[in-house]
Protein backbone atom coordinates (compact mmCIF):
# COMPACT_ATOMS: atom_id res chain seq x y z
CA UNK A 1 27.65 14.97 -83.94
CA UNK A 2 27.35 14.15 -79.64
CA UNK A 3 31.19 14.33 -78.54
CA UNK A 4 32.26 13.59 -75.47
CA UNK A 5 35.66 14.73 -74.49
CA UNK A 6 37.56 13.56 -71.42
CA UNK A 7 40.24 16.08 -70.45
CA UNK A 8 40.24 19.45 -70.79
CA UNK A 9 44.30 20.33 -70.84
CA UNK A 10 45.60 21.93 -73.75
CA UNK A 11 44.53 19.95 -76.37
CA UNK A 12 41.25 18.66 -75.15
CA UNK A 13 40.33 22.72 -74.54
CA UNK A 14 41.29 23.55 -77.75
CA UNK A 15 39.80 20.99 -79.65
CA UNK A 16 36.40 21.42 -77.10
CA UNK A 17 36.83 25.42 -78.35
CA UNK A 18 36.66 24.19 -82.13
CA UNK A 19 33.72 21.73 -82.00
CA UNK A 20 31.43 24.12 -80.13
CA UNK A 21 31.85 26.92 -82.48
CA UNK A 22 31.14 24.02 -85.34
CA UNK A 23 27.62 23.49 -83.30
CA UNK A 24 28.33 19.66 -82.10
CA UNK A 25 26.80 18.89 -78.86
CA UNK A 26 30.02 19.00 -76.55
CA UNK A 27 30.43 16.94 -73.16
CA UNK A 28 33.32 17.76 -71.35
CA UNK A 29 34.68 15.74 -68.37
CA UNK A 30 37.40 16.77 -66.58
CA UNK A 31 38.24 15.73 -62.84
CA UNK A 32 38.81 19.41 -61.76
CA UNK A 33 35.72 22.01 -61.00
CA UNK A 34 37.50 24.58 -61.82
CA UNK A 35 37.79 23.31 -65.34
CA UNK A 36 34.34 22.71 -65.68
CA UNK A 37 33.01 26.00 -64.55
CA UNK A 38 35.40 28.06 -66.65
CA UNK A 39 34.19 25.92 -69.78
CA UNK A 40 31.26 26.36 -68.88
CA UNK A 41 31.22 30.24 -69.05
CA UNK A 42 33.25 30.30 -72.47
CA UNK A 43 31.89 27.39 -74.07
CA UNK A 44 28.36 26.16 -75.56
CA UNK A 45 29.00 22.61 -74.15
CA UNK A 46 27.95 20.48 -71.03
CA UNK A 47 30.54 19.91 -68.48
CA UNK A 48 30.97 17.37 -65.81
CA UNK A 49 33.50 17.25 -62.92
CA UNK A 50 34.85 13.94 -62.70
CA UNK A 51 37.15 10.80 -63.83
CA UNK A 52 36.58 9.98 -67.60
CA UNK A 53 37.71 6.41 -66.35
CA UNK A 54 34.46 5.93 -64.31
CA UNK A 55 31.65 4.06 -65.83
CA UNK A 56 29.39 5.59 -63.96
CA UNK A 57 30.74 8.94 -65.10
CA UNK A 58 30.57 7.97 -68.51
CA UNK A 59 26.89 6.90 -68.39
CA UNK A 60 25.91 10.03 -66.61
CA UNK A 61 27.71 11.51 -69.81
CA UNK A 62 25.65 9.36 -71.58
CA UNK A 63 27.79 7.78 -73.48
CA UNK A 64 25.58 4.74 -74.88
CA UNK A 65 24.42 8.07 -77.31
CA UNK A 66 27.76 9.32 -78.35
CA UNK A 67 29.26 9.35 -81.91
CA UNK A 68 32.63 10.10 -81.45
CA UNK A 69 34.44 9.97 -77.70
CA UNK A 70 37.59 11.58 -77.20
CA UNK A 71 40.22 10.46 -74.14
CA UNK A 72 42.29 13.62 -74.25
CA UNK A 73 43.85 13.88 -70.74
CA UNK A 74 47.99 13.85 -69.99
CA UNK A 75 47.45 10.25 -68.75
CA UNK A 76 47.77 6.72 -71.15
CA UNK A 77 46.38 4.62 -68.86
CA UNK A 78 42.93 6.28 -68.24
CA UNK A 79 43.00 7.61 -72.15
CA UNK A 80 42.72 3.77 -72.73
CA UNK A 81 40.53 2.83 -70.11
CA UNK A 82 37.85 5.70 -70.70
CA UNK A 83 37.98 4.73 -74.34
CA UNK A 84 37.85 0.99 -74.02
CA UNK A 85 34.86 1.75 -71.49
CA UNK A 86 33.17 4.13 -74.10
CA UNK A 87 33.35 1.63 -76.58
CA UNK A 88 31.75 -1.25 -74.79
CA UNK A 89 29.29 0.75 -72.99
CA UNK A 90 28.05 1.92 -76.69
CA UNK A 91 30.06 4.96 -78.01
CA UNK A 92 30.25 4.23 -82.00
CA UNK A 93 33.90 5.97 -82.31
CA UNK A 94 36.36 6.09 -79.81
CA UNK A 95 40.03 7.98 -79.15
CA UNK A 96 42.77 7.76 -77.26
CA UNK A 97 45.66 10.30 -76.74
CA UNK A 98 49.30 8.38 -75.58
CA UNK A 99 52.47 9.55 -75.18
CA UNK A 100 54.98 8.93 -78.17
CA UNK A 101 56.45 5.74 -76.55
CA UNK A 102 53.39 4.34 -76.32
CA UNK A 103 52.64 4.93 -80.02
CA UNK A 104 56.11 3.37 -80.83
CA UNK A 105 55.00 0.15 -79.04
CA UNK A 106 52.46 -0.39 -81.54
CA UNK A 107 55.09 -2.56 -83.64
CA UNK A 108 54.98 -4.96 -80.69
CA UNK A 109 51.74 -4.86 -79.63
CA UNK A 110 48.17 -3.87 -80.88
CA UNK A 111 46.76 -1.55 -78.32
CA UNK A 112 43.38 -0.82 -80.83
CA UNK A 113 42.74 -4.30 -80.65
CA UNK A 114 43.47 -5.31 -77.24
CA UNK A 115 41.44 -2.02 -76.16
CA UNK A 116 38.78 -2.42 -79.00
CA UNK A 117 39.49 1.43 -80.13
CA UNK A 118 39.25 2.70 -83.17
CA UNK A 119 42.51 5.18 -83.06
CA UNK A 120 45.28 5.88 -81.02
CA UNK A 121 47.64 9.19 -81.12
CA UNK A 122 50.66 11.14 -80.01
CA UNK A 123 50.17 14.58 -80.08
CA UNK A 124 54.42 14.60 -80.37
CA UNK A 125 54.49 12.62 -83.11
CA UNK A 126 52.24 14.24 -85.06
CA UNK A 127 54.15 17.32 -84.48
CA UNK A 128 57.64 15.93 -85.93
CA UNK A 129 55.27 14.46 -88.87
CA UNK A 130 54.56 18.30 -89.56
CA UNK A 131 58.25 19.26 -89.08
CA UNK A 132 59.43 16.37 -91.12
CA UNK A 133 56.81 17.53 -93.65
CA UNK A 134 58.71 21.23 -94.16
CA UNK A 135 61.97 19.20 -94.01
CA UNK A 136 61.86 16.24 -96.34
CA UNK A 137 60.11 19.66 -98.82
CA UNK A 138 60.96 23.14 -97.98
CA UNK A 139 59.30 24.41 -100.62
CA UNK A 140 55.66 22.67 -99.46
CA UNK A 141 55.35 19.95 -101.93
CA UNK A 142 52.95 17.30 -99.52
CA UNK A 143 54.31 15.06 -97.49
CA UNK A 144 51.93 12.97 -95.37
CA UNK A 145 52.20 9.68 -93.03
CA UNK A 146 49.13 7.29 -92.85
CA UNK A 147 48.18 3.80 -91.68
CA UNK A 148 49.96 4.36 -88.41
CA UNK A 149 52.72 5.99 -90.17
CA UNK A 150 53.92 2.91 -91.86
CA UNK A 151 53.02 4.21 -95.32
CA UNK A 152 53.74 7.55 -96.70
CA UNK A 153 52.46 9.89 -98.79
CA UNK A 154 54.99 12.50 -100.93
CA UNK A 155 54.33 14.69 -103.54
CA UNK A 156 57.10 15.63 -106.02
CA UNK A 157 57.24 17.78 -109.19
CA UNK A 158 59.18 16.18 -111.86
CA UNK A 159 62.36 17.77 -112.69
CA UNK A 160 64.08 18.08 -116.25
CA UNK A 161 66.51 15.53 -117.16
CA UNK A 162 65.37 13.21 -114.46
CA UNK A 163 65.31 9.58 -115.58
CA UNK A 164 61.78 9.05 -115.22
CA UNK A 165 60.36 12.04 -117.59
CA UNK A 166 58.93 10.17 -120.99
CA UNK A 167 58.67 7.03 -119.65
CA UNK A 168 55.57 4.71 -118.69
CA UNK A 169 55.05 4.09 -114.98
CA UNK A 170 55.85 0.27 -115.69
CA UNK A 171 58.77 1.10 -117.01
CA UNK A 172 60.23 3.43 -113.87
CA UNK A 173 61.76 0.26 -112.02
CA UNK A 174 60.16 1.12 -108.68
CA UNK A 175 60.78 -1.12 -105.54
CA UNK A 176 57.67 -3.86 -105.00
CA UNK A 177 54.84 -1.99 -103.05
CA UNK A 178 55.36 1.81 -104.57
CA UNK A 179 52.11 3.36 -106.05
CA UNK A 180 52.06 6.30 -108.08
CA UNK A 181 48.41 7.23 -106.92
CA UNK A 182 47.96 10.27 -108.86
CA UNK A 183 49.11 12.63 -111.36
CA UNK A 184 48.47 16.45 -111.76
CA UNK A 185 48.86 17.96 -115.06
CA UNK A 186 48.73 21.97 -116.29
CA UNK A 187 45.69 21.87 -113.67
CA UNK A 188 44.12 18.42 -114.15
CA UNK A 189 44.13 15.44 -111.97
CA UNK A 190 44.04 11.64 -112.88
CA UNK A 191 44.65 8.12 -111.29
CA UNK A 192 47.55 6.28 -113.53
CA UNK A 193 47.74 3.12 -114.71
CA UNK A 194 50.72 0.99 -115.52
CA UNK A 195 50.53 2.49 -119.20
CA UNK A 196 50.56 6.54 -118.28
CA UNK A 197 53.59 8.37 -118.95
CA UNK A 198 54.80 11.18 -116.79
CA UNK A 199 55.88 14.08 -118.14
CA UNK A 200 58.47 16.79 -116.57
CA UNK A 201 56.98 19.45 -114.23
CA UNK A 202 53.97 16.66 -113.54
CA UNK A 203 53.23 16.72 -109.58
CA UNK A 204 52.97 12.94 -109.00
CA UNK A 205 51.77 11.43 -105.72
CA UNK A 206 53.68 8.58 -104.20
CA UNK A 207 52.43 6.32 -101.86
CA UNK A 208 55.12 3.19 -99.76
CA UNK A 209 57.18 2.73 -97.09
CA UNK A 210 59.45 5.98 -96.57
CA UNK A 211 62.79 4.02 -97.13
CA UNK A 212 61.83 2.64 -100.39
CA UNK A 213 60.69 6.48 -101.26
CA UNK A 214 63.39 7.42 -100.64
CA UNK A 215 64.89 5.04 -103.64
CA UNK A 216 61.80 5.98 -105.86
CA UNK A 217 62.48 10.19 -105.84
CA UNK A 218 65.94 10.12 -107.22
CA UNK A 219 64.06 8.99 -110.26
CA UNK A 220 61.77 11.66 -110.65
CA UNK A 221 64.33 14.36 -109.38
CA UNK A 222 67.84 15.43 -110.85
CA UNK A 223 70.76 13.33 -109.49
CA UNK A 224 72.05 16.77 -107.68
CA UNK A 225 68.88 16.53 -106.29
CA UNK A 226 68.44 13.30 -104.77
CA UNK A 227 71.96 12.62 -104.26
CA UNK A 228 73.15 15.44 -101.92
CA UNK A 229 73.10 14.38 -98.22
CA UNK A 230 71.68 16.94 -95.76
CA UNK A 231 71.87 18.26 -92.13
CA UNK A 232 69.73 18.93 -89.66
CA UNK A 233 70.40 19.61 -86.03
CA UNK A 234 67.07 19.25 -83.17
CA UNK A 235 67.39 21.71 -79.99
CA UNK A 236 66.05 19.51 -77.75
CA UNK A 237 65.91 15.58 -76.91
CA UNK A 238 62.00 15.63 -75.78
CA UNK A 239 59.88 12.85 -77.70
CA UNK A 240 58.93 14.90 -81.01
CA UNK A 241 62.62 15.66 -81.25
CA UNK A 242 63.28 11.35 -80.87
CA UNK A 243 60.32 10.87 -83.33
CA UNK A 244 62.12 13.32 -85.69
CA UNK A 245 65.25 12.49 -85.70
CA UNK A 246 63.68 8.51 -86.39
CA UNK A 247 61.94 9.51 -89.38
CA UNK A 248 64.98 11.59 -90.65
CA UNK A 249 67.58 8.57 -90.01
CA UNK A 250 65.46 6.50 -92.63
CA UNK A 251 66.69 8.91 -95.48
CA UNK A 252 69.17 11.14 -97.05
CA UNK A 253 70.25 13.37 -93.57
CA UNK A 254 72.48 13.67 -91.37
CA UNK A 255 71.15 14.74 -87.82
CA UNK A 256 72.08 16.03 -84.48
CA UNK A 257 70.45 16.43 -81.33
CA UNK A 258 71.25 19.46 -79.12
CA UNK A 259 70.13 18.10 -75.38
CA UNK A 260 70.77 19.61 -72.00
CA UNK A 261 69.97 16.90 -69.66
CA UNK A 262 72.46 14.40 -69.75
CA UNK A 263 70.21 11.23 -68.79
CA UNK A 264 68.26 11.73 -71.38
CA UNK A 265 71.45 12.18 -74.00
CA UNK A 266 72.62 8.91 -73.07
CA UNK A 267 68.94 7.69 -73.91
CA UNK A 268 68.91 8.82 -77.28
CA UNK A 269 72.47 7.62 -77.84
CA UNK A 270 71.43 4.45 -77.09
CA UNK A 271 67.95 4.18 -78.85
CA UNK A 272 68.75 6.00 -82.21
CA UNK A 273 70.74 4.59 -84.70
CA UNK A 274 73.01 7.24 -86.51
CA UNK A 275 71.81 10.62 -84.64
CA UNK A 276 74.87 12.26 -83.08
CA UNK A 277 73.77 13.68 -79.32
CA UNK A 278 75.65 16.45 -78.15
CA UNK A 279 75.34 17.40 -74.44
CA UNK A 280 74.81 21.36 -74.44
CA UNK A 281 72.50 23.89 -74.67
CA UNK A 282 71.72 25.53 -77.90
CA UNK A 283 70.64 28.56 -76.34
CA UNK A 284 74.41 29.44 -75.89
CA UNK A 285 75.37 31.68 -78.91
CA UNK A 286 79.16 30.08 -78.76
CA UNK A 287 77.70 26.60 -78.53
CA UNK A 288 75.96 27.03 -81.60
CA UNK A 289 78.88 28.17 -83.15
CA UNK A 290 81.30 25.67 -81.84
CA UNK A 291 79.16 22.75 -83.54
CA UNK A 292 78.85 25.27 -87.02
CA UNK A 293 75.42 25.20 -86.80
CA UNK A 294 75.08 28.06 -89.87
CA UNK A 295 76.66 25.20 -92.14
CA UNK A 296 73.60 23.19 -91.38
CA UNK A 297 70.66 22.92 -94.05
CA UNK A 298 68.25 22.78 -91.32
CA UNK A 299 67.86 23.94 -87.73
CA UNK A 300 64.64 22.50 -85.54
CA UNK A 301 63.74 24.43 -82.18
CA UNK A 302 61.42 21.48 -80.57
CA UNK A 303 61.91 21.87 -76.15
CA UNK A 304 58.92 22.72 -74.56
CA UNK A 305 59.68 26.56 -73.73
CA UNK A 306 58.32 28.48 -76.94
CA UNK A 307 60.45 31.40 -76.02
CA UNK A 308 63.42 29.38 -76.51
CA UNK A 309 62.75 28.11 -79.89
CA UNK A 310 61.87 30.94 -81.46
CA UNK A 311 64.94 33.00 -80.04
CA UNK A 312 67.80 30.05 -81.13
CA UNK A 313 66.17 29.96 -84.62
CA UNK A 314 66.93 33.73 -84.81
CA UNK A 315 70.30 32.94 -84.01
CA UNK A 316 70.30 29.85 -86.19
CA UNK A 317 69.82 31.75 -88.69
CA UNK A 318 71.70 34.70 -87.91
CA UNK A 319 74.94 32.53 -88.07
CA UNK A 320 73.66 31.33 -91.42
CA UNK A 321 71.60 28.00 -91.51
CA UNK A 322 69.27 27.86 -94.25
CA UNK A 323 66.29 26.74 -93.11
CA UNK A 324 65.12 27.09 -89.58
CA UNK A 325 61.91 25.80 -87.50
CA UNK A 326 59.81 26.45 -84.43
CA UNK A 327 57.79 23.77 -82.34
CA UNK A 328 55.41 26.30 -80.38
CA UNK A 329 53.09 25.42 -78.19
CA UNK A 330 50.56 27.97 -77.88
CA UNK A 331 48.59 27.84 -80.62
CA UNK A 332 48.43 31.86 -81.15
CA UNK A 333 52.09 32.03 -81.34
CA UNK A 334 52.26 29.44 -83.80
CA UNK A 335 49.46 31.24 -85.87
CA UNK A 336 52.16 34.43 -85.63
CA UNK A 337 55.15 32.65 -86.65
CA UNK A 338 53.10 31.35 -88.98
CA UNK A 339 52.51 34.75 -90.38
CA UNK A 340 55.14 36.56 -89.96
CA UNK A 341 58.24 34.33 -89.55
CA UNK A 342 59.71 34.04 -92.76
CA UNK A 343 60.39 38.22 -92.56
CA UNK A 344 62.61 36.86 -89.62
CA UNK A 345 64.27 33.69 -91.06
CA UNK A 346 61.67 30.97 -89.78
CA UNK A 347 60.79 28.94 -92.52
CA UNK A 348 57.38 27.71 -90.41
CA UNK A 349 56.03 26.71 -86.85
CA UNK A 350 54.44 24.00 -86.09
CA UNK A 351 51.85 23.58 -82.77
CA UNK A 352 51.47 19.78 -81.48
CA UNK A 353 47.71 21.41 -80.11
CA UNK A 354 47.19 22.11 -83.97
CA UNK A 355 48.54 19.04 -85.51
CA UNK A 356 46.15 17.19 -83.02
CA UNK A 357 43.62 19.46 -84.28
CA UNK A 358 43.71 18.06 -87.76
CA UNK A 359 44.60 14.85 -87.36
CA UNK A 360 41.38 14.46 -84.86
CA UNK A 361 39.06 16.68 -87.33
CA UNK A 362 38.78 13.98 -89.87
CA UNK A 363 36.81 11.87 -87.19
CA UNK A 364 34.03 14.56 -86.90
CA UNK A 365 32.08 12.79 -89.48
CA UNK A 366 28.89 11.00 -89.95
CA UNK A 367 29.99 9.79 -93.19
CA UNK A 368 31.49 5.91 -93.43
CA UNK A 369 34.58 6.99 -94.34
CA UNK A 370 37.52 9.20 -93.55
CA UNK A 371 38.49 12.27 -95.60
CA UNK A 372 42.47 12.02 -94.97
CA UNK A 373 43.75 15.00 -97.55
CA UNK A 374 42.43 16.77 -100.52
CA UNK A 375 44.94 16.06 -103.70
CA UNK A 376 43.79 19.03 -106.07
CA UNK A 377 39.95 19.96 -106.86
CA UNK A 378 39.24 16.42 -107.91
CA UNK A 379 40.64 14.15 -106.16
CA UNK A 380 40.98 12.77 -102.15
CA UNK A 381 42.47 10.35 -100.20
CA UNK A 382 39.77 8.49 -97.77
CA UNK A 383 40.06 6.06 -95.50
CA UNK A 384 36.95 3.04 -94.96
CA UNK A 385 36.78 0.14 -92.98
CA UNK A 386 35.72 -2.90 -95.53
CA UNK A 387 32.12 -4.46 -94.01
CA UNK A 388 31.60 -7.84 -93.26
CA UNK A 389 28.62 -7.97 -96.13
CA UNK A 390 30.63 -5.55 -98.69
CA UNK A 391 31.41 -6.85 -102.32
CA UNK A 392 35.11 -6.53 -101.74
CA UNK A 393 35.13 -8.43 -98.62
CA UNK A 394 37.88 -12.40 -98.81
CA UNK A 395 38.26 -10.98 -102.27
CA UNK A 396 41.98 -10.51 -104.13
CA UNK A 397 42.58 -7.57 -105.07
CA UNK A 398 42.70 -8.72 -108.69
CA UNK A 399 38.95 -10.14 -108.68
CA UNK A 400 37.68 -7.19 -107.50
CA UNK A 401 36.55 -4.43 -110.48
CA UNK A 402 37.60 -0.92 -108.97
CA UNK A 403 35.85 2.08 -110.31
CA UNK A 404 37.99 3.97 -112.85
CA UNK A 405 39.09 7.21 -111.34
CA UNK A 406 40.01 5.07 -107.86
CA UNK A 407 43.33 3.40 -106.87
CA UNK A 408 43.81 1.35 -103.55
CA UNK A 409 47.07 2.79 -102.08
CA UNK A 410 47.34 1.12 -98.54
CA UNK A 411 45.37 -1.59 -96.45
CA UNK A 412 45.84 -2.30 -93.06
CA UNK A 413 45.25 -5.90 -91.43
CA UNK A 414 45.69 -5.91 -87.71
CA UNK A 415 49.85 -4.94 -87.20
CA UNK A 416 50.53 -5.06 -91.23
CA UNK A 417 50.27 -2.09 -92.66
CA UNK A 418 51.14 -2.05 -96.83
CA UNK A 419 50.81 -0.90 -100.02
CA UNK A 420 48.48 -3.90 -101.54
CA UNK A 421 49.09 -6.21 -104.31
CA UNK A 422 47.19 -7.94 -107.00
CA UNK A 423 47.55 -10.89 -105.15
CA UNK A 424 46.40 -9.31 -101.44
CA UNK A 425 43.06 -10.68 -99.71
CA UNK A 426 40.57 -8.00 -98.27
CA UNK A 427 39.12 -8.56 -95.30
CA UNK A 428 36.41 -7.51 -93.02
CA UNK A 429 37.49 -5.16 -90.57
CA UNK A 430 40.57 -4.03 -92.68
CA UNK A 431 40.92 -0.20 -93.01
CA UNK A 432 41.66 0.53 -97.17
CA UNK A 433 43.17 4.10 -97.60
CA UNK A 434 42.33 4.89 -101.70
CA UNK A 435 42.54 7.85 -103.98
CA UNK A 436 39.01 8.57 -105.54
CA UNK A 437 37.93 10.85 -108.24
CA UNK A 438 34.86 13.15 -107.28
CA UNK A 439 32.67 10.56 -110.00
CA UNK A 440 34.56 7.34 -108.21
CA UNK A 441 34.01 8.01 -104.80
CA UNK A 442 30.45 7.22 -104.25
CA UNK A 443 30.42 3.50 -106.25
CA UNK A 444 34.21 3.07 -104.72
CA UNK A 445 32.22 3.58 -101.16
CA UNK A 446 29.14 1.08 -102.41
CA UNK A 447 31.81 -2.18 -103.38
CA UNK A 448 33.81 -1.69 -100.03
CA UNK A 449 31.34 -0.62 -97.17
């Protein structure tokens, strides 16, 4: 693919290095001439010194022949304008990195539609999503966000003694617009229907709004497992911590945040609903003891300082916290913590750069769809844009003959993101998320693209 990367900071440089190793044609644009010369020596990539939001610079980079343009600077305005101009000048797909606050505003304003770009993302929010996965499932079952974060994917193991074991899916009484997308049983996977039975030890993949999934989980777990309120302590009140607290507030968690800056404390207290804000420094062992951090189920260190994050995790673990998580900005540090962390009491480490790379790599394809995640050996969650001339366009979900082994799990139309029901209409330009088996993928794509 022909790929243009605007901005060679932490995220841009990290992604450029990865793409260069995959033999893509890379052009990196950055304002600093020294950055360009460093990259030229290190990577098999063309570099241009200039403003990526300039039409002249984009034309010099041959934006009209670009398959994917990534605006990854640290400035929201530059990224949004560059991605918008790139799309207008002929780039097939354009993506803009923004700060978490901008992404939160998507509920109020559709930046993608306004700027005519394909995707926006926040490194901080992606890191928060990764941290939330550990907290929701410390035993490493899957949790993902799709459809702009409004639909969640959760994989649960059905426990003996739960209410749902032995029942058909239609008998479970799930809330509206919650879908069982996949059941994995004894090494085999299948897309279930309303008559499918749920067995003990099944791995069930659920789709729905996070709040609704919290209700559903109690039907598939034991009452003791589902009802206990768990406590989370977060060190740092930055954007990643803010996003994480928002996610956890919607579920059965009590959340406390340690933040050093008094003004930031006031903002967090005003905008978060039930999170307790503590104006104190968590690097102080006395402060951790005073707040009884050792009794917490989870301690998450999410500041901008890697050393502080690791050391406070070690202190919290020493005090008795069951699970400790660290946000690590240097990818090489994160790799080391992931490899050896459990030996020193750290359950996991999350790198915002690595989280961003995983999110972006799904766009590095010339296929008509994006692969969101693998679900076992024979099933995949994909995203596809409904084409104007497809057979699915302007039809109700119930009017279409969907291939066996496929199931719709999310529908994104403008600002609306839903788990689709029979009466919903599919329109050209909608983004559809579906689980497809290996055999169902080709006929499914033929139907919608």
